Structure formats: C-alpha cells, structure tokens
C-alpha cells in the first residue's frame, strides 16, 4: 500500500512539474486562433488553412478570430494576456512581433509574453521598377538614385511593414535617398502607371506583374533566390552580403503554455506543411515552407527585434510617417 501511495505521490509531483502531461487528450474543446488582421489578408488566408487542417485532424472546431488594429498589435496583446492552456493560439506575420514594438510601442514583450511554436512560412519581397525607369540591375538603380538624390520614390504596403523596413535598410547600406510612399496594402496602380517608379512588395503580390512583364523585377530581399522567380538575383548577391528582410508567418501561444501542447501543435503544423496539395497552394501564394523549432523561432525573434529596433532608431522611422 505504501508503495502505491509513493507512486501516486510521485506522479502528482511529475504533473505539477510539467502540466502538459495532464493534457494528453488535448484538445478536448474548441481552439481559437487569433489573427491580428482583417479577413482576406494574407495573414488571415494562411491562418485559415492551418485552422481547417487542425480541426480535421483533432476532431474539434478550430476557428480563426480576426482582431485587427494597430498593425496586428491588438491581436498579439490579446494572445499575450490569454490563459496559457493551448486553447488560444496566434497566427501572425513577423511585423506585429518584431517591428511594431520598436516602431510604435506595444503593451507586450514578445520575448517575455509569447511562446513560439513554429515559423511555418516565409515570403521574400521583390524590389521592382517601372519599365520606363532606365535601371535593370540593383547597382544601376543605386547609381540612378545617387545621381538624383531625393527625387525617386518607392511604394510599400505601409509604414512599418517588412517591405518598408527592407527599403530603409537598403537606403542606409547603399547610401541613397529615395522617398517612401506608403499605401494601405499591395496597391500597384500608381507604380504600374509610373507615378511611383519603384516598389517593394511581397512575392505573392508581385508574381503576376513581374511574370507578365508589367514591372521589371530587380532583386529579392531573401538570402536565397525565390523559388517562384529563380532568375531574379538577391540583394545579398547584388553587392550587399548578408542582406535579409523577409516576411514570415507563424504560430505562437501565450507564455507559460505547457511544452507538451506546444509540441503537439507544432507536430500538426509540420503535417500541414508536408501535405503536397497544401504545399502547392502555398507555392501559388508565393510562400515557402519552413517549420522551424520553437527555439529557432525564439532566436529569430530576438535577433530581429534587436536588428529592427536599431534601424528604426537610426533611420528615425515613425509610425505616422
């Protein structure tokens, strides 16, 4: 009898040490995935793919709840303050986690208040120009910008987006003065019309116009070439080694979520990424699959927070720009 009591006591201590062990049947009720952007956005579309697949695999409703506002920060804050039981997760792009805190301040600390699960997808951006602009390479574009400082303009989906940050990083490294023109989302009308001759947009938005020759691709912002446009060189190989400014989409949970639940969610996410039909759909959207570990995601967030905080301060970027 004493032996049995000892085993029971030991098991109780084990559960207390790792609450995740008590969640072997997770999930037992509906799970919500918070997306900090509106329905129909790239973040929303990709998040819903995972929600549907999770629901099919787990046999419980997994729903997306859109909580837009403040460049995704309102949604992140909601997750940061949620109960860490695995029933509130977040699907987000990197901007709300690694850029917004330094750009406009945030009521959460990404490193302290969030538990990384996996950065599942990445999407580089394309630097492109209007066909009338006499620059076919990045170095030719830089030379043109240096010849006419302050006269050229470049469009992005908005202040503080990964594309804006990529543009400001390139400006500082290349020593050029081109004027940022922020839009709300990937609006290309003015670029196609030549009113704004340069743009930085994500691959998904740019694939059709570059492939059809409506705009001329100059370079991509990732360390390696885009799978969708393999002939387009990277900024890194065009004179700026190590240059990288990409968008990623990933899963996070409130800090304190049991590791067993983190592991189960990531395991399911990796199954989604391994599905051939789903991978094909991501490819059509200009996305590349990653599926890194929580530790790797945490290290990436920490590195980017420091990198972009330094750039935002040095470049004097303001949320109202």
Protein backbone atom coordinates (compact mmCIF):
# COMPACT_ATOMS: atom_id res chain seq x y z
CA UNK A 1 0.00 0.00 0.00
CA UNK A 2 2.83 2.38 0.88
CA UNK A 3 4.45 1.61 -2.46
CA UNK A 4 1.24 2.50 -4.31
CA UNK A 5 0.93 5.73 -2.34
CA UNK A 6 4.51 6.52 -3.25
CA UNK A 7 3.83 6.01 -6.96
CA UNK A 8 0.72 8.20 -6.80
CA UNK A 9 2.62 10.91 -4.97
CA UNK A 10 5.48 10.76 -7.47
CA UNK A 11 3.05 11.01 -10.40
CA UNK A 12 1.39 14.05 -8.78
CA UNK A 13 4.78 15.73 -8.46
CA UNK A 14 5.52 14.93 -12.10
CA UNK A 15 2.26 16.50 -13.24
CA UNK A 16 2.96 19.59 -11.19
CA UNK A 17 6.40 19.88 -12.76
CA UNK A 18 5.01 19.54 -16.30
CA UNK A 19 1.32 20.47 -16.58
CA UNK A 20 1.49 19.37 -20.22
CA UNK A 21 1.42 15.75 -19.10
CA UNK A 22 -2.10 16.30 -17.86
CA UNK A 23 -3.11 17.43 -21.36
CA UNK A 24 -2.71 14.09 -23.12
CA UNK A 25 -6.19 14.44 -24.63
CA UNK A 26 -5.60 17.99 -25.87
CA UNK A 27 -7.59 19.44 -27.44
CA UNK A 28 -10.84 18.48 -25.74
CA UNK A 29 -12.77 21.63 -26.69
CA UNK A 30 -12.75 24.28 -29.46
CA UNK A 31 -9.49 26.08 -30.16
CA UNK A 32 -9.34 29.65 -31.42
CA UNK A 33 -6.53 31.07 -33.49
CA UNK A 34 -6.30 34.84 -33.25
CA UNK A 35 -5.26 36.73 -36.37
CA UNK A 36 -4.47 40.39 -35.90
CA UNK A 37 -5.57 41.41 -39.38
CA UNK A 38 -8.79 41.59 -41.37
CA UNK A 39 -10.43 38.69 -43.18
CA UNK A 40 -8.98 38.27 -46.66
CA UNK A 41 -5.49 39.48 -45.74
CA UNK A 42 -2.51 37.24 -46.41
CA UNK A 43 -2.22 36.54 -42.68
CA UNK A 44 -5.89 35.59 -42.50
CA UNK A 45 -5.86 33.37 -45.60
CA UNK A 46 -2.83 31.37 -44.47
CA UNK A 47 -4.10 31.14 -40.89
CA UNK A 48 -7.40 29.67 -42.05
CA UNK A 49 -5.59 26.93 -43.96
CA UNK A 50 -3.95 25.77 -40.72
CA UNK A 51 -7.16 26.15 -38.72
CA UNK A 52 -9.07 23.93 -41.15
CA UNK A 53 -6.37 21.26 -41.16
CA UNK A 54 -6.09 21.31 -37.36
CA UNK A 55 -9.84 20.93 -36.99
CA UNK A 56 -9.90 17.95 -39.37
CA UNK A 57 -7.04 16.26 -37.52
CA UNK A 58 -8.21 16.95 -33.97
CA UNK A 59 -11.94 16.48 -34.40
CA UNK A 60 -12.81 19.74 -32.61
CA UNK A 61 -13.65 23.17 -34.04
CA UNK A 62 -10.57 25.29 -34.66
CA UNK A 63 -11.67 28.77 -35.63
CA UNK A 64 -9.94 31.97 -36.70
CA UNK A 65 -10.88 35.09 -34.78
CA UNK A 66 -9.90 38.31 -36.52
CA UNK A 67 -8.86 41.07 -34.11
CA UNK A 68 -7.38 43.72 -36.41
CA UNK A 69 -5.85 47.02 -35.44
CA UNK A 70 -2.58 48.77 -34.69
CA UNK A 71 -0.64 46.76 -37.30
CA UNK A 72 -1.57 43.48 -35.63
CA UNK A 73 -0.60 44.60 -32.12
CA UNK A 74 -4.11 44.40 -30.68
CA UNK A 75 -4.37 40.73 -31.61
CA UNK A 76 -0.92 39.93 -30.25
CA UNK A 77 -1.78 41.63 -26.96
CA UNK A 78 -4.97 39.57 -26.69
CA UNK A 79 -2.94 36.37 -27.03
CA UNK A 80 -0.25 37.57 -24.62
CA UNK A 81 -2.92 38.06 -21.95
CA UNK A 82 -4.87 34.84 -22.67
CA UNK A 83 -4.95 31.76 -20.46
CA UNK A 84 -1.89 29.61 -21.34
CA UNK A 85 -3.90 26.41 -21.78
CA UNK A 86 -3.47 25.83 -25.51
CA UNK A 87 -6.99 26.91 -26.42
CA UNK A 88 -5.89 30.36 -27.58
CA UNK A 89 -3.20 30.39 -30.24
CA UNK A 90 -1.93 33.09 -32.58
CA UNK A 91 -1.18 33.07 -36.29
CA UNK A 92 0.76 36.19 -37.21
CA UNK A 93 3.23 37.75 -39.54
CA UNK A 94 6.57 38.93 -38.20
CA UNK A 95 5.78 42.66 -38.31
CA UNK A 96 3.50 42.65 -35.27
CA UNK A 97 6.09 40.73 -33.26
CA UNK A 98 9.47 42.11 -34.38
CA UNK A 99 8.78 45.59 -35.82
CA UNK A 100 5.73 47.12 -34.10
CA UNK A 101 7.20 47.10 -30.56
CA UNK A 102 10.03 49.42 -31.64
CA UNK A 103 8.03 51.41 -34.18
CA UNK A 104 5.05 52.45 -32.08
CA UNK A 105 5.44 50.71 -28.75
CA UNK A 106 3.34 47.75 -27.63
CA UNK A 107 1.74 46.62 -24.34
CA UNK A 108 3.52 43.27 -24.63
CA UNK A 109 7.07 42.00 -24.70
CA UNK A 110 7.35 39.36 -27.47
CA UNK A 111 10.26 37.63 -25.77
CA UNK A 112 8.55 37.50 -22.38
CA UNK A 113 4.82 37.20 -23.11
CA UNK A 114 4.70 34.79 -26.05
CA UNK A 115 5.69 31.15 -26.51
CA UNK A 116 6.98 30.44 -30.05
CA UNK A 117 5.67 27.28 -31.73
CA UNK A 118 6.99 27.49 -35.28
CA UNK A 119 7.64 29.95 -38.08
CA UNK A 120 5.85 27.92 -40.73
CA UNK A 121 6.08 30.02 -43.88
CA UNK A 122 8.36 32.67 -45.31
CA UNK A 123 7.81 35.15 -48.10
CA UNK A 124 10.54 37.38 -49.51
CA UNK A 125 9.76 40.72 -51.10
CA UNK A 126 10.62 41.90 -54.59
CA UNK A 127 12.25 45.20 -55.43
CA UNK A 128 10.78 46.17 -58.79
CA UNK A 129 10.72 49.23 -61.05
CA UNK A 130 8.51 50.66 -63.75
CA UNK A 131 9.65 49.57 -67.21
CA UNK A 132 10.43 53.16 -68.22
CA UNK A 133 12.99 53.55 -65.45
CA UNK A 134 16.45 53.04 -67.00
CA UNK A 135 17.69 50.58 -64.39
CA UNK A 136 17.84 46.84 -64.99
CA UNK A 137 20.02 45.87 -62.03
CA UNK A 138 20.23 46.92 -58.40
CA UNK A 139 23.56 48.65 -58.97
CA UNK A 140 22.10 50.62 -61.89
CA UNK A 141 19.16 51.65 -59.69
CA UNK A 142 21.52 52.78 -56.94
CA UNK A 143 23.57 54.78 -59.43
CA UNK A 144 20.41 56.45 -60.70
CA UNK A 145 19.30 57.28 -57.17
CA UNK A 146 22.70 58.81 -56.35
CA UNK A 147 22.54 60.94 -59.48
CA UNK A 148 19.16 62.39 -58.42
CA UNK A 149 19.01 62.23 -54.59
CA UNK A 150 15.54 62.72 -53.13
CA UNK A 151 13.76 62.61 -56.50
CA UNK A 152 12.93 58.92 -56.82
CA UNK A 153 10.08 57.41 -54.79
CA UNK A 154 9.28 53.86 -53.71
CA UNK A 155 5.95 52.35 -52.70
CA UNK A 156 5.28 49.79 -49.97
CA UNK A 157 2.15 48.33 -48.30
CA UNK A 158 2.57 50.79 -45.43
CA UNK A 159 4.75 52.28 -42.70
CA UNK A 160 6.44 49.64 -40.57
CA UNK A 161 5.74 46.75 -42.93
CA UNK A 162 8.62 44.35 -43.64
CA UNK A 163 8.80 45.93 -47.12
CA UNK A 164 9.22 49.43 -45.68
CA UNK A 165 11.89 48.19 -43.29
CA UNK A 166 13.67 46.43 -46.18
CA UNK A 167 13.64 49.65 -48.18
CA UNK A 168 15.06 51.70 -45.32
CA UNK A 169 17.76 49.11 -44.69
CA UNK A 170 18.77 49.19 -48.36
CA UNK A 171 18.82 53.00 -48.36
CA UNK A 172 21.21 53.08 -45.42
CA UNK A 173 23.51 50.38 -46.75
CA UNK A 174 23.61 51.83 -50.27
CA UNK A 175 23.82 55.45 -49.13
CA UNK A 176 20.90 56.59 -51.28
CA UNK A 177 17.99 58.97 -50.75
CA UNK A 178 14.68 57.74 -52.18
CA UNK A 179 11.37 58.82 -50.73
CA UNK A 180 8.99 56.34 -49.12
CA UNK A 181 5.37 56.39 -50.30
CA UNK A 182 3.23 54.20 -48.01
CA UNK A 183 -0.04 52.68 -49.19
CA UNK A 184 -2.63 50.55 -47.45
CA UNK A 185 -1.76 47.10 -48.70
CA UNK A 186 -0.30 45.99 -52.02
CA UNK A 187 -1.72 48.74 -54.24
CA UNK A 188 0.22 48.81 -57.50
CA UNK A 189 -1.86 51.22 -59.59
CA UNK A 190 0.49 54.19 -59.18
CA UNK A 191 3.55 52.03 -59.80
CA UNK A 192 2.07 50.47 -62.93
CA UNK A 193 1.17 53.97 -64.09
CA UNK A 194 4.71 55.22 -63.49
CA UNK A 195 3.73 57.83 -60.89
CA UNK A 196 5.81 55.97 -58.30
CA UNK A 197 8.67 54.33 -60.23
CA UNK A 198 9.93 51.87 -57.59
CA UNK A 199 8.17 49.42 -55.31
CA UNK A 200 8.88 46.81 -52.67
CA UNK A 201 6.08 44.25 -52.29
CA UNK A 202 5.85 40.64 -51.20
CA UNK A 203 6.36 37.94 -53.80
CA UNK A 204 2.71 36.91 -53.73
CA UNK A 205 1.59 40.37 -54.84
CA UNK A 206 4.36 40.78 -57.40
CA UNK A 207 4.44 37.41 -59.17
CA UNK A 208 1.76 38.17 -61.79
CA UNK A 209 3.02 41.64 -62.78
CA UNK A 210 6.68 40.58 -62.95
CA UNK A 211 5.96 37.39 -64.89
CA UNK A 212 3.77 39.31 -67.31
CA UNK A 213 6.42 41.99 -67.76
CA UNK A 214 4.27 44.82 -66.41
CA UNK A 215 7.02 45.70 -63.94
CA UNK A 216 10.72 44.81 -64.01
CA UNK A 217 11.99 42.77 -61.08
CA UNK A 218 15.37 43.95 -59.83
CA UNK A 219 16.11 41.83 -56.75
CA UNK A 220 14.59 39.83 -53.90
CA UNK A 221 15.11 40.52 -50.20
CA UNK A 222 15.83 36.95 -49.03
CA UNK A 223 19.27 35.38 -48.60
CA UNK A 224 18.49 32.84 -51.28
CA UNK A 225 16.63 33.28 -54.55
CA UNK A 226 12.88 32.91 -54.65
CA UNK A 227 11.55 29.52 -55.74
CA UNK A 228 8.94 31.32 -57.82
CA UNK A 229 11.42 33.63 -59.59
CA UNK A 230 14.74 31.76 -59.59
CA UNK A 231 16.32 34.01 -62.24
CA UNK A 232 15.95 37.12 -60.08
CA UNK A 233 19.08 37.82 -58.02
CA UNK A 234 19.02 38.60 -54.32
CA UNK A 235 20.04 41.94 -52.84
CA UNK A 236 22.67 39.98 -50.91
CA UNK A 237 24.35 38.75 -54.09
CA UNK A 238 23.97 42.16 -55.77
CA UNK A 239 26.55 43.89 -53.61
CA UNK A 240 25.16 43.64 -50.06
CA UNK A 241 26.24 40.32 -48.49
CA UNK A 242 24.02 39.14 -45.66
CA UNK A 243 21.09 41.38 -46.60
CA UNK A 244 17.85 39.77 -45.50
CA UNK A 245 14.43 41.32 -44.86
CA UNK A 246 11.63 38.82 -45.27
CA UNK A 247 8.10 38.24 -44.06
CA UNK A 248 7.29 35.11 -42.10
CA UNK A 249 4.04 33.68 -40.81
CA UNK A 250 3.97 31.53 -37.71
CA UNK A 251 2.22 30.13 -34.69
CA UNK A 252 2.65 31.38 -31.14
CA UNK A 253 0.88 30.84 -27.82
CA UNK A 254 0.73 32.72 -24.52
CA UNK A 255 3.88 32.35 -22.43
CA UNK A 256 3.51 29.51 -19.95
CA UNK A 257 1.64 27.21 -22.33
CA UNK A 258 2.72 23.63 -21.48
CA UNK A 259 5.52 22.30 -23.64
CA UNK A 260 3.52 19.17 -24.42
CA UNK A 261 0.85 21.33 -26.07
CA UNK A 262 3.45 23.42 -27.91
CA UNK A 263 4.95 20.19 -29.25
CA UNK A 264 1.57 18.80 -30.33
CA UNK A 265 0.56 21.97 -32.17
CA UNK A 266 3.93 22.13 -33.93
CA UNK A 267 3.70 18.46 -34.87
CA UNK A 268 0.33 19.11 -36.50
CA UNK A 269 1.66 22.20 -38.26
CA UNK A 270 4.50 20.15 -39.75
CA UNK A 271 1.94 17.69 -41.12
CA UNK A 272 0.15 20.58 -42.82
CA UNK A 273 3.43 21.75 -44.34
CA UNK A 274 4.22 18.23 -45.56
CA UNK A 275 0.90 17.83 -47.39
CA UNK A 276 1.56 18.03 -51.15
CA UNK A 277 -1.68 19.79 -52.08
CA UNK A 278 -1.29 22.33 -49.31
CA UNK A 279 2.33 22.99 -50.28
CA UNK A 280 1.17 23.60 -53.85
CA UNK A 281 -1.36 26.13 -52.58
CA UNK A 282 1.30 27.92 -50.54
CA UNK A 283 3.56 27.99 -53.60
CA UNK A 284 0.82 29.67 -55.61
CA UNK A 285 0.65 32.34 -52.91
CA UNK A 286 4.40 32.95 -53.17
CA UNK A 287 5.15 31.25 -49.86
CA UNK A 288 7.94 28.86 -48.95
CA UNK A 289 7.61 26.34 -46.13
CA UNK A 290 9.92 26.32 -43.11
CA UNK A 291 8.59 24.72 -39.94
CA UNK A 292 11.46 25.57 -37.59
CA UNK A 293 11.64 24.67 -33.90
CA UNK A 294 10.39 26.84 -31.02
CA UNK A 295 13.99 27.54 -30.02
CA UNK A 296 14.92 28.58 -33.55
CA UNK A 297 11.84 30.80 -33.80
CA UNK A 298 12.65 32.41 -30.44
CA UNK A 299 16.23 33.11 -31.54
CA UNK A 300 14.99 34.64 -34.80
CA UNK A 301 12.51 36.88 -32.98
CA UNK A 302 15.20 38.06 -30.56
CA UNK A 303 17.65 38.77 -33.37
CA UNK A 304 15.08 40.66 -35.47
CA UNK A 305 13.84 42.69 -32.51
CA UNK A 306 17.37 43.97 -31.95
CA UNK A 307 18.12 44.43 -35.66
CA UNK A 308 14.95 46.37 -36.50
CA UNK A 309 14.98 48.43 -33.28
CA UNK A 310 18.44 49.69 -34.24
CA UNK A 311 17.36 50.51 -37.82
CA UNK A 312 14.13 52.22 -36.74
CA UNK A 313 16.04 54.42 -34.29
CA UNK A 314 18.88 55.27 -36.67
CA UNK A 315 16.56 55.97 -39.62
CA UNK A 316 14.14 57.95 -37.47
CA UNK A 317 11.16 55.91 -38.68
CA UNK A 318 7.90 56.95 -37.04
CA UNK A 319 4.56 55.20 -37.08
CA UNK A 320 2.93 58.32 -38.51
CA UNK A 321 5.34 58.60 -41.45
